[in-house]
């Protein structure tokens, strides 16, 4: 487990990258330990993610059946964690062939910490969804605006972490976005998660 100072430095570095400032990499631990420790970002993101899982589980499952909602919450967690981690495994396989093998660790460490920040940025939308139906216009608008903001920040982080220019950074961003969607929809289908009624 990382200390609070290490966690704060990592989040600060990721935030600077999300603002497009490459010097944020200096605040990240890019060693082998730092690479594995960056997955602690999942724990940092967990409280915000749980709010979203609870709201979605309430919509999808029988609201009066605790066991059904809890089972759905576990499946939603599996989908989100899978969509977080599995695309990184895929990138590990293609990064050397794509000419970005030397920046793979930079990207993974930055991406993990940036994903934790994104989870907290999306928290207001998850809270709104918890108390309002997802079809509510305000809930939909809040979700779309925060999602758009998260995409812009993630694109900036990717460009800064990859450090190979906007074309290569954009290609990595697009590839990881598509890979995340494929994993997300694949795991949802595998685990029998349907859209809310």
N, C-alpha and C. Protein backbone atom coordinates (compact mmCIF):
# COMPACT_ATOMS: atom_id res chain seq x y z
N UNK A 1 0.85 -1.20 0.00
CA UNK A 1 0.00 0.00 0.00
C UNK A 1 0.88 1.24 0.00
N UNK A 2 0.51 2.20 -0.81
CA UNK A 2 1.30 3.42 -0.92
C UNK A 2 0.99 4.38 0.22
N UNK A 3 1.98 5.19 0.55
CA UNK A 3 1.75 6.23 1.56
C UNK A 3 0.88 7.33 0.95
N UNK A 4 0.34 8.16 1.83
CA UNK A 4 -0.50 9.26 1.33
C UNK A 4 0.32 10.24 0.50
N UNK A 5 1.59 10.44 0.87
CA UNK A 5 2.45 11.36 0.10
C UNK A 5 2.70 10.82 -1.31
N UNK A 6 2.98 9.50 -1.40
CA UNK A 6 3.21 8.89 -2.71
C UNK A 6 1.95 8.95 -3.57
N UNK A 7 0.82 8.69 -2.94
CA UNK A 7 -0.45 8.73 -3.67
C UNK A 7 -0.74 10.15 -4.16
N UNK A 8 -0.52 11.13 -3.29
CA UNK A 8 -0.76 12.53 -3.65
C UNK A 8 0.16 12.95 -4.80
N UNK A 9 1.44 12.57 -4.73
CA UNK A 9 2.39 12.92 -5.79
C UNK A 9 1.97 12.29 -7.12
N UNK A 10 1.52 11.05 -7.06
CA UNK A 10 1.10 10.36 -8.29
C UNK A 10 -0.14 11.01 -8.90
N UNK A 11 -1.10 11.35 -8.05
CA UNK A 11 -2.31 12.00 -8.55
C UNK A 11 -2.01 13.39 -9.09
N UNK A 12 -1.10 14.11 -8.43
CA UNK A 12 -0.71 15.43 -8.91
C UNK A 12 -0.02 15.34 -10.26
N UNK A 13 0.88 14.36 -10.38
CA UNK A 13 1.57 14.16 -11.65
C UNK A 13 0.60 13.83 -12.78
N UNK A 14 -0.34 12.93 -12.47
CA UNK A 14 -1.34 12.56 -13.49
C UNK A 14 -2.20 13.76 -13.87
N UNK A 15 -2.56 14.56 -12.89
CA UNK A 15 -3.39 15.74 -13.18
C UNK A 15 -2.65 16.71 -14.09
N UNK A 16 -1.35 16.90 -13.84
CA UNK A 16 -0.57 17.79 -14.71
C UNK A 16 -0.53 17.24 -16.14
N UNK A 17 -0.40 15.92 -16.26
CA UNK A 17 -0.43 15.31 -17.59
C UNK A 17 -1.78 15.52 -18.25
N UNK A 18 -2.85 15.44 -17.46
CA UNK A 18 -4.20 15.64 -17.99
C UNK A 18 -4.42 17.07 -18.45
N UNK A 19 -3.61 17.99 -17.92
CA UNK A 19 -3.65 19.38 -18.38
C UNK A 19 -2.70 19.60 -19.55
N UNK A 20 -2.06 18.51 -20.00
CA UNK A 20 -1.16 18.59 -21.14
C UNK A 20 0.26 18.98 -20.80
N UNK A 21 0.62 18.92 -19.51
CA UNK A 21 1.96 19.31 -19.08
C UNK A 21 2.82 18.07 -18.87
N UNK A 22 3.80 17.87 -19.75
CA UNK A 22 4.63 16.66 -19.72
C UNK A 22 5.47 16.55 -18.46
N UNK A 23 5.70 17.68 -17.76
CA UNK A 23 6.51 17.61 -16.55
C UNK A 23 5.83 16.81 -15.43
N UNK A 24 4.54 16.49 -15.62
CA UNK A 24 3.86 15.64 -14.64
C UNK A 24 4.50 14.27 -14.51
N UNK A 25 5.20 13.83 -15.57
CA UNK A 25 5.87 12.53 -15.52
C UNK A 25 6.93 12.48 -14.42
N UNK A 26 7.52 13.64 -14.10
CA UNK A 26 8.56 13.67 -13.07
C UNK A 26 8.01 13.34 -11.69
N UNK A 27 6.71 13.50 -11.50
CA UNK A 27 6.10 13.21 -10.20
C UNK A 27 5.62 11.76 -10.10
N UNK A 28 5.71 11.02 -11.20
CA UNK A 28 5.28 9.62 -11.21
C UNK A 28 6.48 8.71 -10.99
N UNK A 29 6.25 7.62 -10.28
CA UNK A 29 7.28 6.61 -10.08
C UNK A 29 7.22 5.66 -11.27
N UNK A 30 8.21 5.75 -12.14
CA UNK A 30 8.22 4.96 -13.36
C UNK A 30 9.11 3.72 -13.25
N UNK A 31 9.48 3.37 -12.00
CA UNK A 31 10.25 2.14 -11.77
C UNK A 31 9.32 0.93 -11.88
N UNK A 32 9.91 -0.26 -11.77
CA UNK A 32 9.09 -1.48 -11.80
C UNK A 32 8.10 -1.48 -10.64
N UNK A 33 8.56 -1.07 -9.45
CA UNK A 33 7.65 -0.99 -8.30
C UNK A 33 6.56 0.04 -8.55
N UNK A 34 6.95 1.18 -9.14
CA UNK A 34 5.98 2.22 -9.43
C UNK A 34 4.93 1.76 -10.41
N UNK A 35 5.36 0.93 -11.38
CA UNK A 35 4.42 0.38 -12.36
C UNK A 35 3.34 -0.43 -11.64
N UNK A 36 3.75 -1.38 -10.81
CA UNK A 36 2.78 -2.23 -10.11
C UNK A 36 2.00 -1.45 -9.07
N UNK A 37 2.68 -0.52 -8.38
CA UNK A 37 1.99 0.29 -7.37
C UNK A 37 0.92 1.19 -7.98
N UNK A 38 1.07 1.52 -9.27
CA UNK A 38 0.08 2.41 -9.90
C UNK A 38 -1.30 1.77 -9.95
N UNK A 39 -1.37 0.44 -9.85
CA UNK A 39 -2.68 -0.21 -9.84
C UNK A 39 -3.41 0.01 -8.52
N UNK A 40 -2.71 0.59 -7.53
CA UNK A 40 -3.36 1.02 -6.29
C UNK A 40 -4.38 2.12 -6.61
N UNK A 41 -4.26 2.74 -7.77
CA UNK A 41 -5.22 3.76 -8.19
C UNK A 41 -6.64 3.19 -8.24
N UNK A 42 -6.76 1.89 -8.46
CA UNK A 42 -8.09 1.26 -8.46
C UNK A 42 -8.73 1.40 -7.09
N UNK A 43 -7.92 1.24 -6.03
CA UNK A 43 -8.41 1.40 -4.66
C UNK A 43 -8.80 2.85 -4.41
N UNK A 44 -7.99 3.77 -4.92
CA UNK A 44 -8.28 5.21 -4.77
C UNK A 44 -9.60 5.56 -5.46
N UNK A 45 -9.84 4.94 -6.61
CA UNK A 45 -11.05 5.22 -7.38
C UNK A 45 -12.28 4.50 -6.83
N UNK A 46 -12.06 3.44 -6.05
CA UNK A 46 -13.16 2.55 -5.65
C UNK A 46 -14.37 3.26 -5.02
N UNK A 47 -14.19 4.17 -4.05
CA UNK A 47 -15.40 4.80 -3.48
C UNK A 47 -16.29 5.48 -4.52
N UNK A 48 -15.66 6.21 -5.46
CA UNK A 48 -16.44 6.88 -6.51
C UNK A 48 -17.08 5.86 -7.44
N UNK A 49 -16.33 4.81 -7.78
CA UNK A 49 -16.87 3.78 -8.67
C UNK A 49 -18.05 3.06 -8.02
N UNK A 50 -17.94 2.79 -6.72
CA UNK A 50 -19.00 2.05 -6.02
C UNK A 50 -20.32 2.79 -6.09
N UNK A 51 -20.27 4.13 -5.98
CA UNK A 51 -21.51 4.92 -6.08
C UNK A 51 -22.19 4.66 -7.43
N UNK A 52 -21.39 4.65 -8.50
CA UNK A 52 -21.94 4.38 -9.82
C UNK A 52 -22.49 2.97 -9.94
N UNK A 53 -21.77 1.99 -9.37
CA UNK A 53 -22.24 0.60 -9.43
C UNK A 53 -23.55 0.43 -8.68
N UNK A 54 -23.66 1.09 -7.52
CA UNK A 54 -24.89 0.97 -6.72
C UNK A 54 -26.07 1.55 -7.49
N UNK A 55 -25.87 2.73 -8.09
CA UNK A 55 -26.95 3.35 -8.86
C UNK A 55 -27.40 2.49 -10.02
N UNK A 56 -26.43 1.93 -10.74
CA UNK A 56 -26.76 1.09 -11.90
C UNK A 56 -27.39 -0.22 -11.46
N UNK A 57 -26.86 -0.81 -10.38
CA UNK A 57 -27.43 -2.07 -9.86
C UNK A 57 -28.88 -1.86 -9.43
N UNK A 58 -29.18 -0.70 -8.86
CA UNK A 58 -30.56 -0.40 -8.45
C UNK A 58 -31.48 -0.31 -9.66
N UNK A 59 -30.96 0.22 -10.78
CA UNK A 59 -31.78 0.36 -11.98
C UNK A 59 -32.00 -0.98 -12.68
N UNK A 60 -30.96 -1.80 -12.71
CA UNK A 60 -31.01 -3.06 -13.47
C UNK A 60 -31.71 -4.16 -12.69
N UNK A 61 -31.45 -4.22 -11.37
CA UNK A 61 -31.96 -5.32 -10.55
C UNK A 61 -33.26 -4.95 -9.86
N UNK A 62 -33.86 -5.94 -9.24
CA UNK A 62 -35.05 -5.73 -8.43
C UNK A 62 -34.65 -4.90 -7.21
N UNK A 63 -35.18 -3.68 -7.07
CA UNK A 63 -34.76 -2.82 -5.96
C UNK A 63 -35.09 -3.39 -4.59
N UNK A 64 -35.99 -4.36 -4.53
CA UNK A 64 -36.37 -4.94 -3.24
C UNK A 64 -35.59 -6.21 -2.92
N UNK A 65 -34.74 -6.67 -3.81
CA UNK A 65 -33.99 -7.92 -3.60
C UNK A 65 -32.52 -7.59 -3.39
N UNK A 66 -32.08 -7.59 -2.14
CA UNK A 66 -30.70 -7.21 -1.82
C UNK A 66 -29.70 -8.14 -2.49
N UNK A 67 -29.96 -9.44 -2.44
CA UNK A 67 -29.02 -10.41 -3.01
C UNK A 67 -28.84 -10.18 -4.51
N UNK A 68 -29.94 -9.89 -5.20
CA UNK A 68 -29.86 -9.62 -6.63
C UNK A 68 -29.08 -8.36 -6.93
N UNK A 69 -29.30 -7.32 -6.14
CA UNK A 69 -28.57 -6.06 -6.35
C UNK A 69 -27.09 -6.22 -6.03
N UNK A 70 -26.80 -6.97 -4.95
CA UNK A 70 -25.40 -7.17 -4.58
C UNK A 70 -24.67 -7.99 -5.65
N UNK A 71 -25.32 -9.03 -6.16
CA UNK A 71 -24.74 -9.82 -7.24
C UNK A 71 -24.48 -8.97 -8.47
N UNK A 72 -25.43 -8.09 -8.79
CA UNK A 72 -25.26 -7.20 -9.93
C UNK A 72 -24.12 -6.22 -9.69
N UNK A 73 -23.99 -5.72 -8.46
CA UNK A 73 -22.91 -4.81 -8.12
C UNK A 73 -21.56 -5.48 -8.35
N UNK A 74 -21.43 -6.75 -7.95
CA UNK A 74 -20.18 -7.50 -8.15
C UNK A 74 -19.90 -7.66 -9.65
N UNK A 75 -20.93 -7.94 -10.42
CA UNK A 75 -20.73 -8.08 -11.87
C UNK A 75 -20.33 -6.76 -12.52
N UNK A 76 -20.95 -5.67 -12.07
CA UNK A 76 -20.59 -4.35 -12.60
C UNK A 76 -19.15 -4.00 -12.25
N UNK A 77 -18.74 -4.34 -11.03
CA UNK A 77 -17.35 -4.10 -10.61
C UNK A 77 -16.39 -4.90 -11.49
N UNK A 78 -16.74 -6.15 -11.77
CA UNK A 78 -15.90 -6.99 -12.62
C UNK A 78 -15.76 -6.38 -14.02
N UNK A 79 -16.85 -5.88 -14.54
CA UNK A 79 -16.82 -5.25 -15.88
C UNK A 79 -15.92 -4.03 -15.87
N UNK A 80 -16.10 -3.14 -14.90
CA UNK A 80 -15.31 -1.90 -14.86
C UNK A 80 -13.82 -2.17 -14.64
N UNK A 81 -13.50 -3.08 -13.72
CA UNK A 81 -12.09 -3.39 -13.46
C UNK A 81 -11.48 -4.07 -14.69
N UNK A 82 -12.27 -4.94 -15.33
CA UNK A 82 -11.79 -5.58 -16.56
C UNK A 82 -11.53 -4.56 -17.66
N UNK A 83 -12.45 -3.59 -17.80
CA UNK A 83 -12.29 -2.55 -18.83
C UNK A 83 -11.13 -1.62 -18.50
N UNK A 84 -10.73 -1.58 -17.24
CA UNK A 84 -9.58 -0.76 -16.81
C UNK A 84 -8.28 -1.49 -17.14
N UNK A 85 -8.21 -2.77 -16.77
CA UNK A 85 -6.94 -3.51 -16.80
C UNK A 85 -6.67 -4.23 -18.12
N UNK A 86 -7.67 -4.90 -18.69
CA UNK A 86 -7.43 -5.74 -19.87
C UNK A 86 -6.91 -4.98 -21.09
N UNK A 87 -7.40 -3.76 -21.38
CA UNK A 87 -6.80 -3.02 -22.50
C UNK A 87 -5.31 -2.73 -22.29
N UNK A 88 -4.89 -2.56 -21.03
CA UNK A 88 -3.47 -2.33 -20.75
C UNK A 88 -2.66 -3.58 -21.07
N UNK A 89 -3.24 -4.75 -20.80
CA UNK A 89 -2.58 -6.02 -21.15
C UNK A 89 -2.44 -6.10 -22.68
N UNK A 90 -3.50 -5.72 -23.39
CA UNK A 90 -3.44 -5.71 -24.85
C UNK A 90 -2.38 -4.75 -25.36
N UNK A 91 -2.28 -3.57 -24.73
CA UNK A 91 -1.28 -2.59 -25.14
C UNK A 91 0.13 -3.13 -24.92
N UNK A 92 0.32 -3.90 -23.85
CA UNK A 92 1.64 -4.50 -23.58
C UNK A 92 2.07 -5.38 -24.74
N UNK A 93 1.11 -6.03 -25.37
CA UNK A 93 1.42 -6.93 -26.48
C UNK A 93 1.75 -6.19 -27.77
N UNK A 94 1.08 -5.06 -28.00
CA UNK A 94 1.28 -4.35 -29.28
C UNK A 94 2.24 -3.17 -29.19
N UNK A 95 2.53 -2.68 -27.98
CA UNK A 95 3.36 -1.48 -27.84
C UNK A 95 4.73 -1.61 -28.52
N UNK A 96 5.45 -2.73 -28.33
CA UNK A 96 6.77 -2.82 -28.99
C UNK A 96 6.65 -2.77 -30.52
N UNK A 97 5.62 -3.40 -31.07
CA UNK A 97 5.44 -3.41 -32.53
C UNK A 97 4.98 -2.05 -33.04
N UNK A 98 4.32 -1.28 -32.18
CA UNK A 98 3.81 0.03 -32.59
C UNK A 98 4.85 1.14 -32.39
N UNK A 99 6.01 0.77 -31.88
CA UNK A 99 7.07 1.75 -31.69
C UNK A 99 6.94 2.59 -30.44
N UNK A 100 6.09 2.17 -29.51
CA UNK A 100 5.94 2.94 -28.27
C UNK A 100 6.29 2.10 -27.04
N UNK A 101 7.04 1.02 -27.27
CA UNK A 101 7.42 0.15 -26.16
C UNK A 101 8.18 0.89 -25.06
N UNK A 102 8.99 1.86 -25.46
CA UNK A 102 9.75 2.64 -24.48
C UNK A 102 8.90 3.56 -23.63
N UNK A 103 7.66 3.79 -24.04
CA UNK A 103 6.76 4.67 -23.28
C UNK A 103 5.62 3.90 -22.64
N UNK A 104 5.66 2.57 -22.73
CA UNK A 104 4.58 1.76 -22.19
C UNK A 104 4.40 1.98 -20.69
N UNK A 105 5.49 1.91 -19.94
CA UNK A 105 5.40 2.09 -18.48
C UNK A 105 4.90 3.49 -18.16
N UNK A 106 5.41 4.49 -18.85
CA UNK A 106 4.95 5.87 -18.65
C UNK A 106 3.43 5.95 -18.81
N UNK A 107 2.96 5.35 -19.91
CA UNK A 107 1.53 5.42 -20.20
C UNK A 107 0.71 4.69 -19.14
N UNK A 108 1.11 3.48 -18.77
CA UNK A 108 0.32 2.70 -17.81
C UNK A 108 0.25 3.40 -16.46
N UNK A 109 1.39 3.87 -15.98
CA UNK A 109 1.40 4.56 -14.68
C UNK A 109 0.53 5.81 -14.74
N UNK A 110 0.71 6.60 -15.77
CA UNK A 110 -0.09 7.82 -15.92
C UNK A 110 -1.56 7.50 -16.09
N UNK A 111 -1.85 6.50 -16.91
CA UNK A 111 -3.25 6.12 -17.17
C UNK A 111 -3.95 5.63 -15.91
N UNK A 112 -3.27 4.82 -15.12
CA UNK A 112 -3.90 4.32 -13.90
C UNK A 112 -4.27 5.46 -12.96
N UNK A 113 -3.33 6.36 -12.72
CA UNK A 113 -3.62 7.47 -11.80
C UNK A 113 -4.64 8.43 -12.41
N UNK A 114 -4.58 8.64 -13.72
CA UNK A 114 -5.56 9.51 -14.37
C UNK A 114 -6.95 8.88 -14.30
N UNK A 115 -7.03 7.57 -14.41
CA UNK A 115 -8.33 6.89 -14.32
C UNK A 115 -8.96 7.07 -12.95
N UNK A 116 -8.13 7.11 -11.91
CA UNK A 116 -8.66 7.37 -10.57
C UNK A 116 -9.26 8.78 -10.49
N UNK A 117 -8.57 9.74 -11.09
CA UNK A 117 -9.08 11.12 -11.11
C UNK A 117 -10.39 11.18 -11.89
N UNK A 118 -10.43 10.49 -13.04
CA UNK A 118 -11.64 10.48 -13.87
C UNK A 118 -12.81 9.89 -13.09
N UNK A 119 -12.56 8.84 -12.31
CA UNK A 119 -13.63 8.24 -11.51
C UNK A 119 -14.25 9.27 -10.58
N UNK A 120 -13.41 10.11 -9.99
CA UNK A 120 -13.93 11.14 -9.07
C UNK A 120 -14.58 12.29 -9.83
N UNK A 121 -14.08 12.59 -11.03
CA UNK A 121 -14.72 13.63 -11.85
C UNK A 121 -16.14 13.19 -12.22
N UNK A 122 -16.31 11.89 -12.46
CA UNK A 122 -17.62 11.36 -12.86
C UNK A 122 -18.56 11.16 -11.67
N UNK A 123 -18.07 11.33 -10.45
CA UNK A 123 -18.90 11.09 -9.26
C UNK A 123 -20.18 11.92 -9.23
N UNK A 124 -20.16 13.22 -9.57
CA UNK A 124 -21.43 13.97 -9.55
C UNK A 124 -22.51 13.33 -10.43
N UNK A 125 -22.11 12.84 -11.61
CA UNK A 125 -23.09 12.19 -12.49
C UNK A 125 -23.63 10.92 -11.84
N UNK A 126 -22.73 10.17 -11.17
CA UNK A 126 -23.17 8.94 -10.50
C UNK A 126 -24.12 9.26 -9.34
N UNK A 127 -23.85 10.34 -8.62
CA UNK A 127 -24.73 10.74 -7.51
C UNK A 127 -26.10 11.18 -8.03
N UNK A 128 -26.08 11.94 -9.13
CA UNK A 128 -27.35 12.36 -9.73
C UNK A 128 -28.15 11.14 -10.16
N UNK A 129 -27.45 10.18 -10.77
CA UNK A 129 -28.11 8.96 -11.25
C UNK A 129 -28.66 8.14 -10.09
N UNK A 130 -28.01 8.23 -8.94
CA UNK A 130 -28.44 7.49 -7.76
C UNK A 130 -29.80 7.98 -7.26
N UNK A 131 -30.04 9.29 -7.45
CA UNK A 131 -31.27 9.89 -6.91
C UNK A 131 -32.31 10.25 -7.97
N UNK A 132 -31.88 10.29 -9.23
CA UNK A 132 -32.82 10.60 -10.32
C UNK A 132 -32.78 9.45 -11.32
N UNK A 133 -33.88 9.21 -12.02
CA UNK A 133 -33.85 8.17 -13.07
C UNK A 133 -32.81 8.53 -14.13
N UNK A 134 -32.15 7.51 -14.70
CA UNK A 134 -31.11 7.78 -15.69
C UNK A 134 -31.67 8.45 -16.94
N UNK A 135 -32.98 8.33 -17.16
CA UNK A 135 -33.60 8.95 -18.33
C UNK A 135 -33.88 10.44 -18.11
N UNK A 136 -33.72 10.90 -16.86
CA UNK A 136 -33.94 12.31 -16.55
C UNK A 136 -32.98 13.17 -17.38
N UNK A 137 -33.51 14.24 -18.00
CA UNK A 137 -32.71 15.07 -18.90
C UNK A 137 -31.49 15.66 -18.21
N UNK A 138 -31.65 16.08 -16.94
CA UNK A 138 -30.53 16.67 -16.21
C UNK A 138 -29.44 15.62 -15.97
N UNK A 139 -29.85 14.40 -15.63
CA UNK A 139 -28.90 13.31 -15.38
C UNK A 139 -28.14 12.98 -16.66
N UNK A 140 -28.86 12.93 -17.78
CA UNK A 140 -28.23 12.62 -19.06
C UNK A 140 -27.24 13.72 -19.45
N UNK A 141 -27.64 14.98 -19.31
CA UNK A 141 -26.77 16.10 -19.67
C UNK A 141 -25.52 16.13 -18.80
N UNK A 142 -25.69 15.94 -17.50
CA UNK A 142 -24.53 15.94 -16.59
C UNK A 142 -23.56 14.81 -16.96
N UNK A 143 -24.10 13.64 -17.25
CA UNK A 143 -23.26 12.50 -17.62
C UNK A 143 -22.49 12.78 -18.91
N UNK A 144 -23.18 13.34 -19.90
CA UNK A 144 -22.54 13.61 -21.19
C UNK A 144 -21.45 14.67 -21.07
N UNK A 145 -21.72 15.73 -20.31
CA UNK A 145 -20.72 16.80 -20.15
C UNK A 145 -19.48 16.29 -19.42
N UNK A 146 -19.69 15.53 -18.34
CA UNK A 146 -18.55 15.02 -17.59
C UNK A 146 -17.78 13.97 -18.39
N UNK A 147 -18.50 13.18 -19.19
CA UNK A 147 -17.84 12.20 -20.05
C UNK A 147 -16.97 12.92 -21.09
N UNK A 148 -17.51 13.97 -21.70
CA UNK A 148 -16.74 14.74 -22.70
C UNK A 148 -15.49 15.34 -22.06
N UNK A 149 -15.63 15.90 -20.86
CA UNK A 149 -14.49 16.46 -20.15
C UNK A 149 -13.45 15.37 -19.87
N UNK A 150 -13.91 14.20 -19.43
CA UNK A 150 -12.98 13.12 -19.13
C UNK A 150 -12.23 12.65 -20.38
N UNK A 151 -12.90 12.66 -21.53
CA UNK A 151 -12.25 12.25 -22.76
C UNK A 151 -11.16 13.26 -23.17
N UNK A 152 -11.45 14.54 -23.02
CA UNK A 152 -10.46 15.58 -23.34
C UNK A 152 -9.24 15.43 -22.44
N UNK A 153 -9.48 15.25 -21.14
CA UNK A 153 -8.37 15.13 -20.19
C UNK A 153 -7.56 13.85 -20.44
N UNK A 154 -8.25 12.77 -20.78
CA UNK A 154 -7.56 11.51 -21.06
C UNK A 154 -6.72 11.62 -22.33
N UNK A 155 -7.25 12.30 -23.35
CA UNK A 155 -6.49 12.50 -24.59
C UNK A 155 -5.22 13.32 -24.31
N UNK A 156 -5.35 14.36 -23.51
CA UNK A 156 -4.18 15.17 -23.17
C UNK A 156 -3.15 14.35 -22.40
N UNK A 157 -3.62 13.54 -21.42
CA UNK A 157 -2.72 12.69 -20.64
C UNK A 157 -1.99 11.72 -21.56
N UNK A 158 -2.72 11.12 -22.50
CA UNK A 158 -2.13 10.15 -23.42
C UNK A 158 -1.04 10.80 -24.27
N UNK A 159 -1.32 11.96 -24.82
CA UNK A 159 -0.33 12.67 -25.63
C UNK A 159 0.92 13.00 -24.83
N UNK A 160 0.72 13.49 -23.60
CA UNK A 160 1.86 13.87 -22.76
C UNK A 160 2.66 12.64 -22.32
N UNK A 161 1.97 11.55 -22.00
CA UNK A 161 2.66 10.35 -21.52
C UNK A 161 3.40 9.63 -22.64
N UNK A 162 2.79 9.57 -23.82
CA UNK A 162 3.42 8.89 -24.95
C UNK A 162 4.58 9.72 -25.50
N UNK A 163 4.39 11.04 -25.54
CA UNK A 163 5.47 11.94 -25.94
C UNK A 163 5.99 11.74 -27.35
N UNK A 164 5.12 11.34 -28.26
CA UNK A 164 5.56 11.09 -29.64
C UNK A 164 4.77 11.94 -30.63
N UNK A 165 4.15 12.99 -30.16
CA UNK A 165 3.38 13.86 -31.04
C UNK A 165 1.90 13.53 -30.99
N UNK A 166 1.09 14.48 -31.48
CA UNK A 166 -0.37 14.34 -31.39
C UNK A 166 -0.91 13.18 -32.21
N UNK A 167 -0.29 12.88 -33.36
CA UNK A 167 -0.80 11.80 -34.21
C UNK A 167 -0.66 10.45 -33.51
N UNK A 168 0.51 10.17 -32.97
CA UNK A 168 0.74 8.90 -32.28
C UNK A 168 -0.09 8.84 -30.99
N UNK A 169 -0.09 9.95 -30.25
CA UNK A 169 -0.88 10.00 -29.02
C UNK A 169 -2.36 9.78 -29.28
N UNK A 170 -2.87 10.39 -30.34
CA UNK A 170 -4.28 10.24 -30.69
C UNK A 170 -4.59 8.81 -31.11
N UNK A 171 -3.65 8.17 -31.82
CA UNK A 171 -3.85 6.79 -32.23
C UNK A 171 -3.90 5.87 -31.01
N UNK A 172 -3.02 6.11 -30.05
CA UNK A 172 -3.03 5.30 -28.81
C UNK A 172 -4.33 5.56 -28.05
N UNK A 173 -4.73 6.82 -27.95
CA UNK A 173 -5.98 7.16 -27.26
C UNK A 173 -7.16 6.45 -27.89
N UNK A 174 -7.25 6.53 -29.23
CA UNK A 174 -8.37 5.90 -29.94
C UNK A 174 -8.34 4.38 -29.77
N UNK A 175 -7.15 3.80 -29.89
CA UNK A 175 -7.03 2.35 -29.74
C UNK A 175 -7.44 1.89 -28.36
N UNK A 176 -7.01 2.60 -27.33
CA UNK A 176 -7.35 2.22 -25.96
C UNK A 176 -8.83 2.44 -25.68
N UNK A 177 -9.40 3.48 -26.27
CA UNK A 177 -10.83 3.74 -26.09
C UNK A 177 -11.65 2.61 -26.71
N UNK A 178 -11.30 2.22 -27.93
CA UNK A 178 -12.01 1.14 -28.60
C UNK A 178 -11.82 -0.18 -27.83
N UNK A 179 -10.59 -0.45 -27.39
CA UNK A 179 -10.32 -1.67 -26.63
C UNK A 179 -11.14 -1.71 -25.35
N UNK A 180 -11.25 -0.57 -24.68
CA UNK A 180 -12.06 -0.50 -23.45
C UNK A 180 -13.52 -0.81 -23.73
N UNK A 181 -14.04 -0.26 -24.83
CA UNK A 181 -15.44 -0.52 -25.19
C UNK A 181 -15.66 -1.99 -25.53
N UNK A 182 -14.72 -2.57 -26.26
CA UNK A 182 -14.84 -3.99 -26.62
C UNK A 182 -14.86 -4.85 -25.36
N UNK A 183 -13.94 -4.58 -24.43
CA UNK A 183 -13.90 -5.34 -23.17
C UNK A 183 -15.17 -5.10 -22.37
N UNK A 184 -15.60 -3.85 -22.29
CA UNK A 184 -16.79 -3.49 -21.53
C UNK A 184 -18.02 -4.25 -22.04
N UNK A 185 -18.28 -4.14 -23.35
CA UNK A 185 -19.46 -4.80 -23.92
C UNK A 185 -19.32 -6.32 -23.88
N UNK A 186 -18.09 -6.81 -24.09
CA UNK A 186 -17.87 -8.25 -24.04
C UNK A 186 -18.13 -8.81 -22.67
N UNK A 187 -17.63 -8.16 -21.63
CA UNK A 187 -17.86 -8.64 -20.27
C UNK A 187 -19.31 -8.49 -19.85
N UNK A 188 -19.97 -7.40 -20.29
CA UNK A 188 -21.39 -7.24 -19.99
C UNK A 188 -22.19 -8.38 -20.58
N UNK A 189 -21.89 -8.74 -21.83
CA UNK A 189 -22.60 -9.85 -22.47
C UNK A 189 -22.29 -11.16 -21.76
N UNK A 190 -21.03 -11.37 -21.41
CA UNK A 190 -20.60 -12.60 -20.75
C UNK A 190 -21.25 -12.77 -19.38
N UNK A 191 -21.41 -11.66 -18.67
CA UNK A 191 -21.97 -11.69 -17.32
C UNK A 191 -23.47 -11.45 -17.28
N UNK A 192 -24.07 -11.31 -18.46
CA UNK A 192 -25.52 -11.17 -18.52
C UNK A 192 -26.06 -9.87 -17.98
N UNK A 193 -25.32 -8.80 -18.22
CA UNK A 193 -25.76 -7.47 -17.76
C UNK A 193 -26.47 -6.79 -18.91
N UNK A 194 -27.75 -6.50 -18.72
CA UNK A 194 -28.53 -5.82 -19.74
C UNK A 194 -28.66 -4.35 -19.43
N UNK A 195 -29.17 -3.61 -20.38
CA UNK A 195 -29.41 -2.17 -20.17
C UNK A 195 -30.57 -1.99 -19.21
N UNK A 196 -30.56 -0.88 -18.44
CA UNK A 196 -31.68 -0.61 -17.54
C UNK A 196 -32.98 -0.51 -18.32
N UNK A 197 -34.05 -0.94 -17.70
CA UNK A 197 -35.37 -0.88 -18.34
C UNK A 197 -35.83 0.55 -18.42
